[in-house]
Amino acid sequence: MIKLRAEEVRELIALARARGERLDLRGRDLSDLGLYKADLNGADLRDADLTSINLAGADLESADLSGANLMQAEASKAHLGKASLRRANLTRASFVQADLHDADLREAILVGANFRHADLSGADLQGARFDKYTRWSVDFEPKAAGAILVMVS
């Protein structure tokens, strides 16, 4: 897997936007990058390595992050409405104040993730796994949304 630099990703974003094409970063290594407030709207990030990436404030509306590894990612205040995070690994990721309305989180790993003050209205969490360390907004009930509490040692 070829590791991309933040400058290269921003150039690919600009090129895709200029051509009116969908940004395709499937399976790419974007770990540890700083993509603060990046425009990744509708991007294809399936199976990408986004470990420890900074996506705070980024626009990921309708992006496809199915199967992506977002372990320890920073996505506070990010816009992920209608995004697919199906089977994604969100272990210890931060989504504080993020917009995840109507997002697909089915079968995602949410162990230790932080969703405080996040908008999860309409999100599908069927089969998603969380633990006692996962943090939710006060008014959100993960089990009612289909998430499963697991015991992690």
Protein backbone atom coordinates (compact mmCIF):
# COMPACT_ATOMS: atom_id res chain seq x y z
CA MET A 1 0.00 0.00 0.00
CA ILE A 2 1.51 3.32 -1.06
CA LYS A 3 1.44 5.99 1.64
CA LEU A 4 0.22 9.37 0.43
CA ARG A 5 1.26 12.74 1.86
CA ALA A 6 -1.34 15.36 2.83
CA GLU A 7 -0.23 17.63 -0.06
CA GLU A 8 -0.76 14.79 -2.54
CA VAL A 9 -4.25 14.10 -1.19
CA ARG A 10 -5.17 17.80 -1.43
CA GLU A 11 -3.90 17.84 -5.06
CA LEU A 12 -6.01 14.75 -5.85
CA ILE A 13 -9.04 16.44 -4.27
CA ALA A 14 -8.52 19.58 -6.39
CA LEU A 15 -8.02 17.53 -9.56
CA ALA A 16 -11.17 15.45 -8.97
CA ARG A 17 -13.21 18.60 -8.25
CA ALA A 18 -11.88 20.34 -11.37
CA ARG A 19 -12.85 17.34 -13.51
CA GLY A 20 -16.21 16.91 -11.78
CA GLU A 21 -15.24 13.38 -10.78
CA ARG A 22 -15.65 11.42 -7.57
CA LEU A 23 -12.44 11.29 -5.54
CA ASP A 24 -11.20 7.69 -5.48
CA LEU A 25 -8.89 6.82 -2.58
CA ARG A 26 -9.97 3.19 -2.17
CA GLY A 27 -7.50 1.11 -0.18
CA ARG A 28 -4.98 3.96 0.13
CA ASP A 29 -2.76 4.57 3.16
CA LEU A 30 -3.73 7.96 4.60
CA SER A 31 -2.67 7.13 8.16
CA ASP A 32 -1.38 9.95 10.38
CA LEU A 33 -2.26 12.66 7.83
CA GLY A 34 -3.57 16.11 8.72
CA LEU A 35 -6.63 16.70 6.53
CA TYR A 36 -8.30 19.27 8.77
CA LYS A 37 -11.39 20.73 7.04
CA ALA A 38 -10.65 18.78 3.83
CA ASP A 39 -13.37 18.53 1.17
CA LEU A 40 -13.91 14.78 0.87
CA ASN A 41 -17.61 15.07 0.04
CA GLY A 42 -18.74 11.88 -1.70
CA ALA A 43 -15.19 10.42 -1.74
CA ASP A 44 -14.59 6.70 -2.15
CA LEU A 45 -12.46 5.69 0.84
CA ARG A 46 -13.47 2.04 1.02
CA ASP A 47 -10.90 -0.11 2.85
CA ALA A 48 -8.54 2.89 3.27
CA ASP A 49 -6.12 3.09 6.20
CA LEU A 50 -7.12 6.25 8.06
CA THR A 51 -5.44 5.31 11.35
CA SER A 52 -4.71 8.38 13.51
CA ILE A 53 -5.78 10.76 10.72
CA ASN A 54 -6.97 14.29 11.55
CA LEU A 55 -10.30 14.87 9.78
CA ALA A 56 -11.59 17.47 12.24
CA GLY A 57 -14.09 19.72 10.50
CA ALA A 58 -13.74 17.78 7.24
CA ASP A 59 -16.64 17.39 4.80
CA LEU A 60 -17.26 13.66 4.32
CA GLU A 61 -20.95 13.98 3.46
CA SER A 62 -22.08 10.88 1.53
CA ALA A 63 -18.51 9.50 1.50
CA ASP A 64 -18.00 5.73 1.36
CA LEU A 65 -15.73 4.62 4.21
CA SER A 66 -16.94 1.01 4.23
CA GLY A 67 -14.32 -1.27 5.74
CA ALA A 68 -11.95 1.64 6.40
CA ASN A 69 -9.66 1.68 9.44
CA LEU A 70 -10.28 4.90 11.39
CA MET A 71 -8.66 3.65 14.59
CA GLN A 72 -7.75 6.66 16.79
CA ALA A 73 -8.91 9.08 14.06
CA GLU A 74 -9.81 12.65 15.02
CA ALA A 75 -13.08 13.58 13.30
CA SER A 76 -14.55 16.11 15.71
CA LYS A 77 -16.96 18.53 14.04
CA ALA A 78 -16.67 16.54 10.79
CA HIS A 79 -19.66 16.29 8.45
CA LEU A 80 -20.45 12.61 7.85
CA GLY A 81 -24.15 12.84 7.10
CA LYS A 82 -25.32 9.95 4.86
CA ALA A 83 -21.77 8.53 4.89
CA SER A 84 -21.22 4.77 4.84
CA LEU A 85 -19.04 3.52 7.68
CA ARG A 86 -20.27 -0.04 7.36
CA ARG A 87 -17.81 -2.55 8.87
CA ALA A 88 -15.37 0.32 9.57
CA ASN A 89 -13.02 0.17 12.56
CA LEU A 90 -13.67 3.30 14.68
CA THR A 91 -11.84 2.04 17.77
CA ARG A 92 -10.90 4.99 20.02
CA ALA A 93 -11.83 7.51 17.28
CA SER A 94 -13.27 10.91 18.23
CA PHE A 95 -16.49 12.16 16.64
CA VAL A 96 -17.24 14.87 19.21
CA GLN A 97 -19.83 17.29 17.75
CA ALA A 98 -19.69 15.46 14.41
CA ASP A 99 -22.69 15.27 12.08
CA LEU A 100 -23.48 11.60 11.44
CA HIS A 101 -27.17 11.98 10.58
CA ASP A 102 -28.46 9.09 8.43
CA ALA A 103 -24.96 7.49 8.43
CA ASP A 104 -24.57 3.75 7.89
CA LEU A 105 -22.62 2.33 10.84
CA ARG A 106 -23.84 -1.25 10.48
CA GLU A 107 -21.35 -3.80 11.83
CA ALA A 108 -18.81 -1.07 12.66
CA ILE A 109 -16.42 -1.43 15.60
CA LEU A 110 -17.11 1.46 17.98
CA VAL A 111 -15.04 0.27 20.95
CA GLY A 112 -13.81 3.26 22.97
CA ALA A 113 -15.05 5.78 20.36
CA ASN A 114 -16.29 9.20 21.46
CA PHE A 115 -19.62 10.39 20.04
CA ARG A 116 -20.35 13.08 22.63
CA HIS A 117 -22.60 15.83 21.25
CA ALA A 118 -22.63 14.07 17.85
CA ASP A 119 -25.76 14.05 15.68
CA LEU A 120 -26.62 10.38 15.13
CA SER A 121 -30.25 11.00 14.14
CA GLY A 122 -31.38 8.40 11.65
CA ALA A 123 -28.02 6.56 11.79
CA ASP A 124 -28.15 2.78 11.33
CA LEU A 125 -26.08 0.98 13.97
CA GLN A 126 -27.43 -2.56 13.40
CA GLY A 127 -24.76 -5.00 14.55
CA ALA A 128 -22.25 -2.26 15.46
CA ARG A 129 -20.19 -3.22 18.51
CA PHE A 130 -19.43 -0.83 21.37
CA ASP A 131 -18.06 -1.22 24.89
CA LYS A 132 -18.37 0.49 28.26
CA TYR A 133 -15.74 3.03 27.19
CA THR A 134 -17.68 4.23 24.14
CA ARG A 135 -19.08 7.71 24.82
CA TRP A 136 -22.48 8.85 23.49
CA SER A 137 -24.56 12.01 23.55
CA VAL A 138 -26.81 12.09 26.62
CA ASP A 139 -29.98 11.63 24.55
CA PHE A 140 -28.72 8.78 22.35
CA GLU A 141 -29.54 5.14 23.11
CA PRO A 142 -27.14 2.88 21.12
CA LYS A 143 -28.99 -0.38 21.83
CA ALA A 144 -32.24 1.11 20.49
CA ALA A 145 -30.34 1.94 17.28
CA GLY A 146 -29.24 -1.70 16.98
CA ALA A 147 -25.75 -1.52 18.49
CA ILE A 148 -24.44 -4.40 20.60
CA LEU A 149 -22.59 -3.97 23.90
CA VAL A 150 -19.51 -6.18 24.04
CA MET A 151 -17.11 -6.96 26.85
CA VAL A 152 -13.52 -6.08 26.01
CA SER A 153 -10.71 -7.06 28.33
